[in-house]
């Protein structure tokens, strides 16, 4: 049975959970509008932090309209998260 577990990568329920990957994307903040999100992304790029802009409003994605406030999300790698928050001076209460 052990061979089947290895072949099918079954995890032992008693085994400790893995730590999150440092290369996993995490949500940094949701900007009020797309130009502000691009501004944040430029600041992060100047500091060597890559960020991804994700538009969550269907009108923005499908038709190019200006999105609702908070519909432009900035995502960064988990390993850059703390530094990105410090660069943008985001408080812990910010989304």
C-alpha atoms as a PDB file:
ATOM      1  CA  UNK A   1       0.000   0.000   0.000  1.00  0.00           C
ATOM      2  CA  UNK A   2       2.937   2.341   0.636  1.00  0.00           C
ATOM      3  CA  UNK A   3       3.924   2.137  -3.040  1.00  0.00           C
ATOM      4  CA  UNK A   4       0.434   3.249  -4.096  1.00  0.00           C
ATOM      5  CA  UNK A   5       0.648   6.178  -1.699  1.00  0.00           C
ATOM      6  CA  UNK A   6       3.958   7.225  -3.220  1.00  0.00           C
ATOM      7  CA  UNK A   7       2.698   6.807  -6.772  1.00  0.00           C
ATOM      8  CA  UNK A   8      -0.474   8.790  -6.210  1.00  0.00           C
ATOM      9  CA  UNK A   9       1.127  11.293  -3.821  1.00  0.00           C
ATOM     10  CA  UNK A  10      -1.289  10.651  -1.007  1.00  0.00           C
ATOM     11  CA  UNK A  11      -0.376  12.667   2.011  1.00  0.00           C
ATOM     12  CA  UNK A  12      -0.181  11.129   5.441  1.00  0.00           C
ATOM     13  CA  UNK A  13      -2.891  12.832   7.545  1.00  0.00           C
ATOM     14  CA  UNK A  14      -0.490  12.907  10.510  1.00  0.00           C
ATOM     15  CA  UNK A  15       2.212  14.693   8.497  1.00  0.00           C
ATOM     16  CA  UNK A  16       2.689  18.409   9.195  1.00  0.00           C
ATOM     17  CA  UNK A  17       1.290  20.838   6.641  1.00  0.00           C
ATOM     18  CA  UNK A  18       3.719  22.499   4.267  1.00  0.00           C
ATOM     19  CA  UNK A  19       4.651  26.124   4.668  1.00  0.00           C
ATOM     20  CA  UNK A  20       3.251  28.488   2.032  1.00  0.00           C
ATOM     21  CA  UNK A  21       5.420  28.940  -1.026  1.00  0.00           C
ATOM     22  CA  UNK A  22       7.397  32.213  -1.166  1.00  0.00           C
ATOM     23  CA  UNK A  23       6.513  32.360  -4.869  1.00  0.00           C
ATOM     24  CA  UNK A  24       2.772  32.280  -4.226  1.00  0.00           C
ATOM     25  CA  UNK A  25       0.829  35.392  -5.255  1.00  0.00           C
ATOM     26  CA  UNK A  26      -0.879  37.286  -2.434  1.00  0.00           C
ATOM     27  CA  UNK A  27      -3.206  40.283  -2.506  1.00  0.00           C
ATOM     28  CA  UNK A  28      -1.344  43.452  -1.555  1.00  0.00           C
ATOM     29  CA  UNK A  29      -4.127  46.019  -1.862  1.00  0.00           C
ATOM     30  CA  UNK A  30      -7.199  47.020  -3.839  1.00  0.00           C
ATOM     31  CA  UNK A  31      -6.762  50.476  -5.362  1.00  0.00           C
ATOM     32  CA  UNK A  32      -9.569  53.001  -5.727  1.00  0.00           C
ATOM     33  CA  UNK A  33      -9.141  53.108  -9.496  1.00  0.00           C
ATOM     34  CA  UNK A  34      -6.945  51.754 -12.269  1.00  0.00           C
ATOM     35  CA  UNK A  35      -4.643  54.808 -12.627  1.00  0.00           C
ATOM     36  CA  UNK A  36      -3.886  54.625  -8.895  1.00  0.00           C
ATOM     37  CA  UNK A  37      -3.132  50.897  -9.199  1.00  0.00           C
ATOM     38  CA  UNK A  38      -0.759  51.605 -12.098  1.00  0.00           C
ATOM     39  CA  UNK A  39       0.878  54.336 -10.006  1.00  0.00           C
ATOM     40  CA  UNK A  40       1.411  51.865  -7.140  1.00  0.00           C
ATOM     41  CA  UNK A  41       2.774  49.283  -9.556  1.00  0.00           C
ATOM     42  CA  UNK A  42       5.270  51.850 -10.907  1.00  0.00           C
ATOM     43  CA  UNK A  43       6.478  52.693  -7.403  1.00  0.00           C
ATOM     44  CA  UNK A  44       6.964  49.006  -6.639  1.00  0.00           C
ATOM     45  CA  UNK A  45       8.778  48.441  -9.948  1.00  0.00           C
ATOM     46  CA  UNK A  46      11.214  51.256  -9.077  1.00  0.00           C
ATOM     47  CA  UNK A  47      12.047  49.300  -5.905  1.00  0.00           C
ATOM     48  CA  UNK A  48      12.529  46.036  -7.823  1.00  0.00           C
ATOM     49  CA  UNK A  49       9.219  44.490  -6.739  1.00  0.00           C
ATOM     50  CA  UNK A  50       7.113  42.917  -9.464  1.00  0.00           C
ATOM     51  CA  UNK A  51       3.372  43.374  -9.071  1.00  0.00           C
ATOM     52  CA  UNK A  52       0.415  42.089 -11.052  1.00  0.00           C
ATOM     53  CA  UNK A  53      -2.661  44.212 -11.648  1.00  0.00           C
ATOM     54  CA  UNK A  54      -5.909  42.263 -11.609  1.00  0.00           C
ATOM     55  CA  UNK A  55      -9.171  43.888 -12.671  1.00  0.00           C
ATOM     56  CA  UNK A  56     -12.147  42.320 -10.897  1.00  0.00           C
ATOM     57  CA  UNK A  57     -15.026  44.435 -12.234  1.00  0.00           C
ATOM     58  CA  UNK A  58     -16.700  42.740 -15.243  1.00  0.00           C
ATOM     59  CA  UNK A  59     -17.371  46.091 -16.951  1.00  0.00           C
ATOM     60  CA  UNK A  60     -13.663  46.923 -16.855  1.00  0.00           C
ATOM     61  CA  UNK A  61     -12.562  43.503 -18.040  1.00  0.00           C
ATOM     62  CA  UNK A  62     -15.117  43.037 -20.827  1.00  0.00           C
ATOM     63  CA  UNK A  63     -15.890  46.532 -22.065  1.00  0.00           C
ATOM     64  CA  UNK A  64     -13.032  48.784 -20.962  1.00  0.00           C
ATOM     65  CA  UNK A  65     -15.177  51.014 -18.761  1.00  0.00           C
ATOM     66  CA  UNK A  66     -13.739  52.660 -15.689  1.00  0.00           C
ATOM     67  CA  UNK A  67     -14.087  50.162 -12.865  1.00  0.00           C
ATOM     68  CA  UNK A  68     -15.776  50.448  -9.524  1.00  0.00           C
ATOM     69  CA  UNK A  69     -13.681  51.661  -6.584  1.00  0.00           C
ATOM     70  CA  UNK A  70     -11.577  48.798  -5.268  1.00  0.00           C
ATOM     71  CA  UNK A  71     -11.885  46.737  -8.456  1.00  0.00           C
ATOM     72  CA  UNK A  72      -8.188  47.054  -9.344  1.00  0.00           C
ATOM     73  CA  UNK A  73      -6.181  44.669  -7.181  1.00  0.00           C
ATOM     74  CA  UNK A  74      -2.406  44.551  -6.851  1.00  0.00           C
ATOM     75  CA  UNK A  75      -0.867  41.135  -6.258  1.00  0.00           C
ATOM     76  CA  UNK A  76       2.766  40.462  -5.318  1.00  0.00           C
ATOM     77  CA  UNK A  77       4.865  37.428  -4.473  1.00  0.00           C
ATOM     78  CA  UNK A  78       4.590  36.329  -0.857  1.00  0.00           C
ATOM     79  CA  UNK A  79       8.337  36.871  -0.387  1.00  0.00           C
ATOM     80  CA  UNK A  80       7.941  40.553  -1.445  1.00  0.00           C
ATOM     81  CA  UNK A  81       4.744  41.223   0.518  1.00  0.00           C
ATOM     82  CA  UNK A  82       6.220  42.843   3.645  1.00  0.00           C
ATOM     83  CA  UNK A  83       8.624  45.010   1.667  1.00  0.00           C
ATOM     84  CA  UNK A  84       5.859  46.088  -0.752  1.00  0.00           C
ATOM     85  CA  UNK A  85       3.614  47.127   2.157  1.00  0.00           C
ATOM     86  CA  UNK A  86       6.479  49.144   3.599  1.00  0.00           C
ATOM     87  CA  UNK A  87       7.270  50.817   0.236  1.00  0.00           C
ATOM     88  CA  UNK A  88       3.638  51.859  -0.239  1.00  0.00           C
ATOM     89  CA  UNK A  89       3.288  52.700   3.463  1.00  0.00           C
ATOM     90  CA  UNK A  90       0.135  50.614   3.806  1.00  0.00           C
ATOM     91  CA  UNK A  91      -1.270  50.222   7.289  1.00  0.00           C
ATOM     92  CA  UNK A  92      -2.377  46.779   8.535  1.00  0.00           C
ATOM     93  CA  UNK A  93      -6.002  47.943   8.269  1.00  0.00           C
ATOM     94  CA  UNK A  94      -5.722  48.470   4.485  1.00  0.00           C
ATOM     95  CA  UNK A  95      -7.236  45.641   2.412  1.00  0.00           C
END
